[in-house]
Amino acid sequence: MSQVALRLPDSLHQYAKQLAAQDDASLNQFIVTAVAEKISALNTEAFFQARAASSDRAKFDRVRARVPDLEPARGDERL
């Protein structure tokens, strides 16, 4: 496991400590979770960008053309 020296503004540090306490977690655990969530969000964005780059609009249109034009089931209507 690695150690990192982290400089936080006092106000951010206090707020992070409060949120960690509310979550019944240590400040370290809170920060580790925050970093993991950020990494996950960035990886998710990269995943969808890669998927979009490899998409084929013509193939999508061919598949979509085979879907019957029916009314949505009750409860599935657009709002």
C-alpha atoms as a PDB file:
ATOM      1  CA  MET A   1       0.000   0.000   0.000  1.00  0.00           C
ATOM      2  CA  SER A   2       1.236   3.498  -0.785  1.00  0.00           C
ATOM      3  CA  GLN A   3       1.272   6.616   1.310  1.00  0.00           C
ATOM      4  CA  VAL A   4       0.591  10.045  -0.151  1.00  0.00           C
ATOM      5  CA  ALA A   5       1.046  13.407   1.498  1.00  0.00           C
ATOM      6  CA  LEU A   6      -2.066  15.398   0.742  1.00  0.00           C
ATOM      7  CA  ARG A   7      -2.525  19.130   1.191  1.00  0.00           C
ATOM      8  CA  LEU A   8      -6.106  20.240   1.650  1.00  0.00           C
ATOM      9  CA  PRO A   9      -7.438  23.686   2.427  1.00  0.00           C
ATOM     10  CA  ASP A  10      -8.607  23.801   6.038  1.00  0.00           C
ATOM     11  CA  SER A  11     -12.247  24.266   5.055  1.00  0.00           C
ATOM     12  CA  LEU A  12     -12.199  21.261   2.732  1.00  0.00           C
ATOM     13  CA  HIS A  13     -10.417  19.171   5.335  1.00  0.00           C
ATOM     14  CA  GLN A  14     -13.025  19.993   7.991  1.00  0.00           C
ATOM     15  CA  TYR A  15     -15.903  19.299   5.632  1.00  0.00           C
ATOM     16  CA  ALA A  16     -14.379  15.970   4.560  1.00  0.00           C
ATOM     17  CA  LYS A  17     -13.928  14.989   8.228  1.00  0.00           C
ATOM     18  CA  GLN A  18     -17.575  15.835   8.926  1.00  0.00           C
ATOM     19  CA  LEU A  19     -18.813  13.806   5.967  1.00  0.00           C
ATOM     20  CA  ALA A  20     -16.581  10.879   6.897  1.00  0.00           C
ATOM     21  CA  ALA A  21     -17.960  10.929  10.448  1.00  0.00           C
ATOM     22  CA  GLN A  22     -21.529  11.018   9.139  1.00  0.00           C
ATOM     23  CA  ASP A  23     -20.683   8.001   7.009  1.00  0.00           C
ATOM     24  CA  ASP A  24     -19.101   6.279  10.027  1.00  0.00           C
ATOM     25  CA  ALA A  25     -15.785   6.095   8.175  1.00  0.00           C
ATOM     26  CA  SER A  26     -12.275   7.313   8.797  1.00  0.00           C
ATOM     27  CA  LEU A  27     -11.026  10.312   6.858  1.00  0.00           C
ATOM     28  CA  ASN A  28      -8.569   8.005   5.087  1.00  0.00           C
ATOM     29  CA  GLN A  29     -11.357   5.637   4.058  1.00  0.00           C
ATOM     30  CA  PHE A  30     -13.474   8.570   2.893  1.00  0.00           C
ATOM     31  CA  ILE A  31     -10.660   9.927   0.703  1.00  0.00           C
ATOM     32  CA  VAL A  32      -9.823   6.478  -0.708  1.00  0.00           C
ATOM     33  CA  THR A  33     -13.482   6.000  -1.644  1.00  0.00           C
ATOM     34  CA  ALA A  34     -13.645   9.459  -3.232  1.00  0.00           C
ATOM     35  CA  VAL A  35     -10.565   8.731  -5.353  1.00  0.00           C
ATOM     36  CA  ALA A  36     -11.966   5.327  -6.356  1.00  0.00           C
ATOM     37  CA  GLU A  37     -15.267   6.913  -7.389  1.00  0.00           C
ATOM     38  CA  LYS A  38     -13.462   9.508  -9.519  1.00  0.00           C
ATOM     39  CA  ILE A  39     -11.331   6.853 -11.212  1.00  0.00           C
ATOM     40  CA  SER A  40     -14.440   4.783 -11.894  1.00  0.00           C
ATOM     41  CA  ALA A  41     -16.232   7.772 -13.432  1.00  0.00           C
ATOM     42  CA  LEU A  42     -13.294   8.560 -15.712  1.00  0.00           C
ATOM     43  CA  ASN A  43     -12.934   4.909 -16.751  1.00  0.00           C
ATOM     44  CA  THR A  44     -16.652   4.713 -17.486  1.00  0.00           C
ATOM     45  CA  GLU A  45     -16.443   7.788 -19.697  1.00  0.00           C
ATOM     46  CA  ALA A  46     -13.464   6.298 -21.577  1.00  0.00           C
ATOM     47  CA  PHE A  47     -15.330   2.996 -22.003  1.00  0.00           C
ATOM     48  CA  PHE A  48     -18.355   4.661 -23.579  1.00  0.00           C
ATOM     49  CA  GLN A  49     -16.197   6.864 -25.790  1.00  0.00           C
ATOM     50  CA  ALA A  50     -14.427   3.756 -27.094  1.00  0.00           C
ATOM     51  CA  ARG A  51     -17.747   2.000 -27.668  1.00  0.00           C
ATOM     52  CA  ALA A  52     -19.121   5.020 -29.527  1.00  0.00           C
ATOM     53  CA  ALA A  53     -16.007   5.224 -31.697  1.00  0.00           C
ATOM     54  CA  SER A  54     -16.462   1.605 -32.790  1.00  0.00           C
ATOM     55  CA  SER A  55     -20.185   1.943 -33.490  1.00  0.00           C
ATOM     56  CA  ASP A  56     -21.720   1.523 -36.928  1.00  0.00           C
ATOM     57  CA  ARG A  57     -24.728   3.788 -37.583  1.00  0.00           C
ATOM     58  CA  ALA A  58     -25.786   1.871 -40.691  1.00  0.00           C
ATOM     59  CA  LYS A  59     -25.829  -1.413 -38.776  1.00  0.00           C
ATOM     60  CA  PHE A  60     -27.847   0.240 -35.990  1.00  0.00           C
ATOM     61  CA  ASP A  61     -30.377   1.530 -38.535  1.00  0.00           C
ATOM     62  CA  ARG A  62     -30.714  -1.950 -40.097  1.00  0.00           C
ATOM     63  CA  VAL A  63     -31.386  -3.558 -36.718  1.00  0.00           C
ATOM     64  CA  ARG A  64     -33.757  -0.786 -35.684  1.00  0.00           C
ATOM     65  CA  ALA A  65     -35.737  -1.191 -38.918  1.00  0.00           C
ATOM     66  CA  ARG A  66     -36.576  -4.775 -37.880  1.00  0.00           C
ATOM     67  CA  VAL A  67     -38.218  -3.626 -34.634  1.00  0.00           C
ATOM     68  CA  PRO A  68     -42.007  -3.501 -35.004  1.00  0.00           C
ATOM     69  CA  ASP A  69     -43.666  -0.113 -34.574  1.00  0.00           C
ATOM     70  CA  LEU A  70     -45.932  -0.857 -31.581  1.00  0.00           C
ATOM     71  CA  GLU A  71     -47.413   1.249 -28.832  1.00  0.00           C
ATOM     72  CA  PRO A  72     -45.411   0.948 -25.594  1.00  0.00           C
ATOM     73  CA  ALA A  73     -46.689  -1.329 -22.864  1.00  0.00           C
ATOM     74  CA  ARG A  74     -48.671   0.382 -20.130  1.00  0.00           C
ATOM     75  CA  GLY A  75     -46.224   2.113 -17.799  1.00  0.00           C
ATOM     76  CA  ASP A  76     -43.478   2.343 -20.442  1.00  0.00           C
ATOM     77  CA  GLU A  77     -44.818   5.488 -22.086  1.00  0.00           C
ATOM     78  CA  ARG A  78     -42.615   8.550 -22.414  1.00  0.00           C
ATOM     79  CA  LEU A  79     -43.319  11.215 -19.897  1.00  0.00           C
END
